[in-house]
């Protein structure tokens, strides 16, 4: 087995995880509507479902890329984000991202997780 290639694939998986977190945060509140729409409702919407799903988080945890606290907070972020679309469709818009406390929690949680990352 080519261990260097395996490690590189593992590192790429972590990089995609980190990039996903960088698509969401309080920085979005200072951006224009197109930017917010692209980051939250296109990029993050897709990437959160891939890179913050339980399988990927378990992989990152088991291989030492994240700790249990980051795992739990990422699970919360994933669940809160997905719940907005499913349970609160009235908040599934750019204006709500800028004004709703629910979105503020999501954006803040992403920032909190980013501040806890090792790399």
N, C-alpha and C. Protein backbone atom coordinates (compact mmCIF):
# COMPACT_ATOMS: atom_id res chain seq x y z
N UNK A 1 0.84 -1.18 0.00
CA UNK A 1 0.00 0.00 0.00
C UNK A 1 0.89 1.24 0.00
N UNK A 2 0.47 2.23 -0.76
CA UNK A 2 1.20 3.49 -0.83
C UNK A 2 0.68 4.41 0.28
N UNK A 3 1.39 4.42 1.43
CA UNK A 3 0.95 5.17 2.61
C UNK A 3 0.94 6.67 2.37
N UNK A 4 1.90 7.14 1.57
CA UNK A 4 1.95 8.57 1.29
C UNK A 4 0.69 9.02 0.55
N UNK A 5 0.27 8.22 -0.41
CA UNK A 5 -0.95 8.54 -1.17
C UNK A 5 -2.17 8.49 -0.26
N UNK A 6 -2.23 7.48 0.61
CA UNK A 6 -3.35 7.36 1.55
C UNK A 6 -3.41 8.58 2.46
N UNK A 7 -2.25 9.00 3.00
CA UNK A 7 -2.22 10.16 3.88
C UNK A 7 -2.65 11.41 3.13
N UNK A 8 -2.23 11.53 1.88
CA UNK A 8 -2.62 12.69 1.07
C UNK A 8 -4.14 12.72 0.87
N UNK A 9 -4.75 11.57 0.62
CA UNK A 9 -6.21 11.50 0.48
C UNK A 9 -6.89 11.89 1.79
N UNK A 10 -6.32 11.44 2.91
CA UNK A 10 -6.85 11.79 4.22
C UNK A 10 -6.76 13.30 4.45
N UNK A 11 -5.62 13.87 4.10
CA UNK A 11 -5.41 15.31 4.26
C UNK A 11 -6.37 16.10 3.37
N UNK A 12 -6.59 15.62 2.15
CA UNK A 12 -7.55 16.28 1.24
C UNK A 12 -8.96 16.26 1.83
N UNK A 13 -9.30 15.18 2.48
CA UNK A 13 -10.62 15.06 3.10
C UNK A 13 -10.76 16.09 4.22
N UNK A 14 -9.70 16.25 5.01
CA UNK A 14 -9.71 17.26 6.07
C UNK A 14 -9.78 18.67 5.46
N UNK A 15 -9.03 18.91 4.40
CA UNK A 15 -9.04 20.22 3.74
C UNK A 15 -10.43 20.58 3.23
N UNK A 16 -11.15 19.61 2.68
CA UNK A 16 -12.52 19.85 2.22
C UNK A 16 -13.45 20.17 3.39
N UNK A 17 -13.23 19.49 4.51
CA UNK A 17 -13.98 19.74 5.74
C UNK A 17 -13.77 21.19 6.19
N UNK A 18 -12.53 21.62 6.24
CA UNK A 18 -12.20 22.99 6.66
C UNK A 18 -12.76 24.01 5.68
N UNK A 19 -12.63 23.73 4.39
CA UNK A 19 -13.15 24.64 3.37
C UNK A 19 -14.66 24.81 3.52
N UNK A 20 -15.35 23.76 3.88
CA UNK A 20 -16.79 23.83 4.11
C UNK A 20 -17.11 24.80 5.24
N UNK A 21 -16.37 24.70 6.32
CA UNK A 21 -16.60 25.61 7.46
C UNK A 21 -16.34 27.07 7.07
N UNK A 22 -15.41 27.28 6.15
CA UNK A 22 -15.09 28.64 5.71
C UNK A 22 -16.15 29.23 4.77
N UNK A 23 -17.13 28.43 4.39
CA UNK A 23 -18.24 28.94 3.58
C UNK A 23 -19.37 29.50 4.44
N UNK A 24 -19.22 29.40 5.74
CA UNK A 24 -20.27 29.80 6.68
C UNK A 24 -19.63 30.52 7.85
N UNK A 25 -20.16 31.69 8.19
CA UNK A 25 -19.65 32.42 9.33
C UNK A 25 -20.23 33.82 9.37
N UNK A 26 -19.95 34.51 10.45
CA UNK A 26 -20.48 35.86 10.62
C UNK A 26 -19.95 36.84 9.57
N UNK A 27 -18.84 36.51 8.92
CA UNK A 27 -18.32 37.37 7.85
C UNK A 27 -19.35 37.59 6.75
N UNK A 28 -20.28 36.66 6.60
CA UNK A 28 -21.30 36.77 5.55
C UNK A 28 -22.23 37.96 5.76
N UNK A 29 -22.38 38.40 6.99
CA UNK A 29 -23.29 39.51 7.27
C UNK A 29 -22.83 40.81 6.62
N UNK A 30 -21.56 40.90 6.27
CA UNK A 30 -21.01 42.10 5.64
C UNK A 30 -20.92 41.96 4.12
N UNK A 31 -21.51 40.92 3.57
CA UNK A 31 -21.41 40.66 2.14
C UNK A 31 -22.71 41.02 1.43
N UNK A 32 -22.62 41.11 0.10
CA UNK A 32 -23.83 41.41 -0.67
C UNK A 32 -24.68 40.14 -0.83
N UNK A 33 -25.90 40.33 -1.31
CA UNK A 33 -26.86 39.23 -1.39
C UNK A 33 -26.39 38.10 -2.30
N UNK A 34 -25.75 38.43 -3.40
CA UNK A 34 -25.26 37.40 -4.32
C UNK A 34 -24.22 36.53 -3.64
N UNK A 35 -23.32 37.16 -2.93
CA UNK A 35 -22.26 36.43 -2.21
C UNK A 35 -22.87 35.51 -1.17
N UNK A 36 -23.78 36.04 -0.36
CA UNK A 36 -24.43 35.23 0.67
C UNK A 36 -25.19 34.06 0.03
N UNK A 37 -25.95 34.36 -1.00
CA UNK A 37 -26.72 33.31 -1.67
C UNK A 37 -25.84 32.20 -2.20
N UNK A 38 -24.73 32.57 -2.80
CA UNK A 38 -23.81 31.57 -3.35
C UNK A 38 -23.17 30.75 -2.23
N UNK A 39 -22.67 31.42 -1.21
CA UNK A 39 -21.97 30.72 -0.13
C UNK A 39 -22.90 29.81 0.67
N UNK A 40 -24.05 30.32 1.08
CA UNK A 40 -24.93 29.56 1.97
C UNK A 40 -25.83 28.59 1.20
N UNK A 41 -26.51 29.08 0.18
CA UNK A 41 -27.56 28.28 -0.46
C UNK A 41 -27.07 27.44 -1.63
N UNK A 42 -25.81 27.59 -2.00
CA UNK A 42 -25.23 26.73 -3.03
C UNK A 42 -24.05 25.95 -2.44
N UNK A 43 -22.95 26.63 -2.15
CA UNK A 43 -21.73 25.96 -1.73
C UNK A 43 -21.90 25.23 -0.39
N UNK A 44 -22.28 25.97 0.65
CA UNK A 44 -22.40 25.35 1.97
C UNK A 44 -23.50 24.31 2.01
N UNK A 45 -24.61 24.58 1.35
CA UNK A 45 -25.73 23.64 1.34
C UNK A 45 -25.31 22.27 0.82
N UNK A 46 -24.50 22.26 -0.20
CA UNK A 46 -24.01 20.99 -0.76
C UNK A 46 -22.91 20.41 0.12
N UNK A 47 -21.91 21.25 0.43
CA UNK A 47 -20.72 20.76 1.12
C UNK A 47 -20.98 20.30 2.54
N UNK A 48 -21.91 20.95 3.25
CA UNK A 48 -22.18 20.54 4.63
C UNK A 48 -22.73 19.12 4.67
N UNK A 49 -23.50 18.75 3.68
CA UNK A 49 -24.11 17.42 3.64
C UNK A 49 -23.09 16.32 3.32
N UNK A 50 -21.99 16.71 2.70
CA UNK A 50 -20.93 15.76 2.37
C UNK A 50 -19.85 15.75 3.45
N UNK A 51 -19.36 16.93 3.80
CA UNK A 51 -18.18 17.03 4.64
C UNK A 51 -18.45 17.11 6.13
N UNK A 52 -19.70 17.36 6.53
CA UNK A 52 -20.05 17.36 7.95
C UNK A 52 -21.05 16.27 8.29
N UNK A 53 -21.19 15.30 7.40
CA UNK A 53 -22.06 14.16 7.69
C UNK A 53 -21.37 13.26 8.72
N UNK A 54 -22.16 12.44 9.39
CA UNK A 54 -21.63 11.57 10.46
C UNK A 54 -20.47 10.70 9.98
N UNK A 55 -20.58 10.11 8.79
CA UNK A 55 -19.52 9.23 8.30
C UNK A 55 -18.20 9.97 8.17
N UNK A 56 -18.23 11.15 7.59
CA UNK A 56 -16.99 11.91 7.42
C UNK A 56 -16.46 12.39 8.77
N UNK A 57 -17.35 12.86 9.65
CA UNK A 57 -16.91 13.29 10.97
C UNK A 57 -16.31 12.14 11.77
N UNK A 58 -16.91 10.97 11.68
CA UNK A 58 -16.35 9.79 12.35
C UNK A 58 -14.96 9.47 11.82
N UNK A 59 -14.79 9.53 10.51
CA UNK A 59 -13.48 9.28 9.89
C UNK A 59 -12.45 10.27 10.43
N UNK A 60 -12.80 11.56 10.44
CA UNK A 60 -11.88 12.59 10.91
C UNK A 60 -11.55 12.41 12.40
N UNK A 61 -12.54 12.03 13.18
CA UNK A 61 -12.33 11.79 14.60
C UNK A 61 -11.42 10.59 14.83
N UNK A 62 -11.73 9.49 14.18
CA UNK A 62 -10.96 8.25 14.35
C UNK A 62 -9.52 8.39 13.90
N UNK A 63 -9.26 9.30 12.97
CA UNK A 63 -7.90 9.47 12.45
C UNK A 63 -7.19 10.68 13.04
N UNK A 64 -7.77 11.28 14.09
CA UNK A 64 -7.09 12.32 14.83
C UNK A 64 -7.11 13.71 14.22
N UNK A 65 -7.92 13.93 13.21
CA UNK A 65 -7.99 15.24 12.57
C UNK A 65 -8.85 16.22 13.38
N UNK A 66 -9.83 15.69 14.11
CA UNK A 66 -10.67 16.51 14.98
C UNK A 66 -10.81 15.77 16.31
N UNK A 67 -11.26 16.51 17.33
CA UNK A 67 -11.50 15.88 18.63
C UNK A 67 -13.01 15.72 18.85
N UNK A 68 -13.37 15.17 19.99
CA UNK A 68 -14.78 14.89 20.29
C UNK A 68 -15.62 16.17 20.37
N UNK A 69 -15.05 17.23 20.88
CA UNK A 69 -15.80 18.49 21.00
C UNK A 69 -16.10 19.05 19.61
N UNK A 70 -15.11 19.04 18.73
CA UNK A 70 -15.32 19.51 17.36
C UNK A 70 -16.35 18.62 16.67
N UNK A 71 -16.25 17.32 16.88
CA UNK A 71 -17.22 16.38 16.32
C UNK A 71 -18.64 16.77 16.74
N UNK A 72 -18.84 17.01 18.03
CA UNK A 72 -20.17 17.33 18.55
C UNK A 72 -20.67 18.67 17.99
N UNK A 73 -19.81 19.66 17.94
CA UNK A 73 -20.22 20.97 17.43
C UNK A 73 -20.53 20.91 15.93
N UNK A 74 -19.77 20.12 15.19
CA UNK A 74 -20.05 19.95 13.76
C UNK A 74 -21.38 19.24 13.55
N UNK A 75 -21.67 18.28 14.40
CA UNK A 75 -22.95 17.59 14.33
C UNK A 75 -24.09 18.57 14.59
N UNK A 76 -23.91 19.45 15.58
CA UNK A 76 -24.91 20.48 15.86
C UNK A 76 -25.08 21.41 14.66
N UNK A 77 -23.96 21.83 14.06
CA UNK A 77 -24.03 22.73 12.91
C UNK A 77 -24.78 22.07 11.77
N UNK A 78 -24.45 20.84 11.48
CA UNK A 78 -25.11 20.08 10.42
C UNK A 78 -26.63 20.01 10.68
N UNK A 79 -26.99 19.63 11.90
CA UNK A 79 -28.40 19.47 12.24
C UNK A 79 -29.16 20.79 12.21
N UNK A 80 -28.56 21.85 12.75
CA UNK A 80 -29.22 23.16 12.75
C UNK A 80 -29.42 23.67 11.32
N UNK A 81 -28.39 23.53 10.49
CA UNK A 81 -28.50 24.01 9.12
C UNK A 81 -29.58 23.24 8.36
N UNK A 82 -29.55 21.93 8.44
CA UNK A 82 -30.52 21.11 7.72
C UNK A 82 -31.95 21.34 8.25
N UNK A 83 -32.07 21.66 9.53
CA UNK A 83 -33.39 21.90 10.12
C UNK A 83 -34.02 23.18 9.58
N UNK A 84 -33.20 24.16 9.24
CA UNK A 84 -33.76 25.41 8.71
C UNK A 84 -34.54 25.12 7.44
N UNK A 85 -33.92 24.42 6.52
CA UNK A 85 -34.59 24.13 5.25
C UNK A 85 -35.84 23.28 5.45
N UNK A 86 -35.73 22.29 6.31
CA UNK A 86 -36.83 21.34 6.50
C UNK A 86 -37.95 21.89 7.38
N UNK A 87 -37.59 22.49 8.51
CA UNK A 87 -38.58 22.87 9.51
C UNK A 87 -38.96 24.35 9.52
N UNK A 88 -38.11 25.18 8.92
CA UNK A 88 -38.35 26.63 8.94
C UNK A 88 -38.15 27.23 7.54
N UNK A 89 -38.94 26.80 6.57
CA UNK A 89 -38.73 27.29 5.20
C UNK A 89 -38.86 28.81 5.08
N UNK A 90 -39.57 29.42 6.02
CA UNK A 90 -39.71 30.89 5.98
C UNK A 90 -38.37 31.59 6.25
N UNK A 91 -37.39 30.85 6.80
CA UNK A 91 -36.06 31.41 7.05
C UNK A 91 -35.04 31.00 6.00
N UNK A 92 -35.50 30.33 4.94
CA UNK A 92 -34.60 29.85 3.90
C UNK A 92 -34.46 30.94 2.82
N UNK A 93 -33.90 32.09 3.23
CA UNK A 93 -33.71 33.20 2.30
C UNK A 93 -32.60 34.12 2.81
N UNK A 94 -32.11 34.95 1.94
CA UNK A 94 -30.96 35.81 2.26
C UNK A 94 -31.29 36.82 3.34
N UNK A 95 -32.46 37.41 3.31
CA UNK A 95 -32.83 38.38 4.34
C UNK A 95 -32.82 37.74 5.73
N UNK A 96 -33.29 36.52 5.84
CA UNK A 96 -33.28 35.82 7.12
C UNK A 96 -31.86 35.55 7.59
N UNK A 97 -30.97 35.22 6.66
CA UNK A 97 -29.56 35.00 7.03
C UNK A 97 -29.01 36.24 7.72
N UNK A 98 -29.40 37.40 7.21
CA UNK A 98 -28.89 38.66 7.77
C UNK A 98 -29.55 39.05 9.09
N UNK A 99 -30.79 38.59 9.33
CA UNK A 99 -31.54 39.14 10.46
C UNK A 99 -32.01 38.13 11.51
N UNK A 100 -32.21 36.89 11.16
CA UNK A 100 -32.81 35.92 12.09
C UNK A 100 -31.80 35.38 13.11
N UNK A 101 -32.19 35.36 14.39
CA UNK A 101 -31.32 34.79 15.42
C UNK A 101 -30.92 33.34 15.13
N UNK A 102 -31.80 32.59 14.51
CA UNK A 102 -31.50 31.21 14.15
C UNK A 102 -30.27 31.14 13.24
N UNK A 103 -30.21 32.00 12.25
CA UNK A 103 -29.05 32.04 11.35
C UNK A 103 -27.81 32.55 12.07
N UNK A 104 -27.98 33.49 12.97
CA UNK A 104 -26.85 34.00 13.74
C UNK A 104 -26.20 32.87 14.53
N UNK A 105 -27.03 31.99 15.11
CA UNK A 105 -26.51 30.82 15.83
C UNK A 105 -25.69 29.93 14.91
N UNK A 106 -26.19 29.69 13.71
CA UNK A 106 -25.50 28.83 12.75
C UNK A 106 -24.17 29.45 12.33
N UNK A 107 -24.19 30.72 11.97
CA UNK A 107 -22.98 31.40 11.54
C UNK A 107 -21.95 31.46 12.67
N UNK A 108 -22.41 31.74 13.88
CA UNK A 108 -21.51 31.80 15.04
C UNK A 108 -20.92 30.44 15.37
N UNK A 109 -21.73 29.40 15.26
CA UNK A 109 -21.25 28.06 15.55
C UNK A 109 -20.15 27.66 14.57
N UNK A 110 -20.31 27.99 13.31
CA UNK A 110 -19.26 27.70 12.33
C UNK A 110 -17.97 28.43 12.70
N UNK A 111 -18.08 29.69 13.10
CA UNK A 111 -16.90 30.46 13.52
C UNK A 111 -16.25 29.83 14.76
N UNK A 112 -17.07 29.39 15.69
CA UNK A 112 -16.54 28.76 16.90
C UNK A 112 -15.75 27.50 16.55
N UNK A 113 -16.30 26.69 15.67
CA UNK A 113 -15.62 25.45 15.26
C UNK A 113 -14.30 25.80 14.57
N UNK A 114 -14.30 26.77 13.69
CA UNK A 114 -13.07 27.15 12.99
C UNK A 114 -11.99 27.57 13.98
N UNK A 115 -12.39 28.24 15.05
CA UNK A 115 -11.40 28.70 16.04
C UNK A 115 -10.80 27.54 16.84
N UNK A 116 -11.43 26.37 16.79
CA UNK A 116 -10.97 25.21 17.56
C UNK A 116 -10.10 24.26 16.74
N UNK A 117 -10.02 24.46 15.43
CA UNK A 117 -9.30 23.53 14.57
C UNK A 117 -7.81 23.55 14.85
N UNK A 118 -7.18 22.41 14.67
CA UNK A 118 -5.74 22.26 14.89
C UNK A 118 -4.94 22.98 13.81
N UNK A 119 -5.38 22.80 12.59
CA UNK A 119 -4.63 23.31 11.43
C UNK A 119 -5.51 24.27 10.67
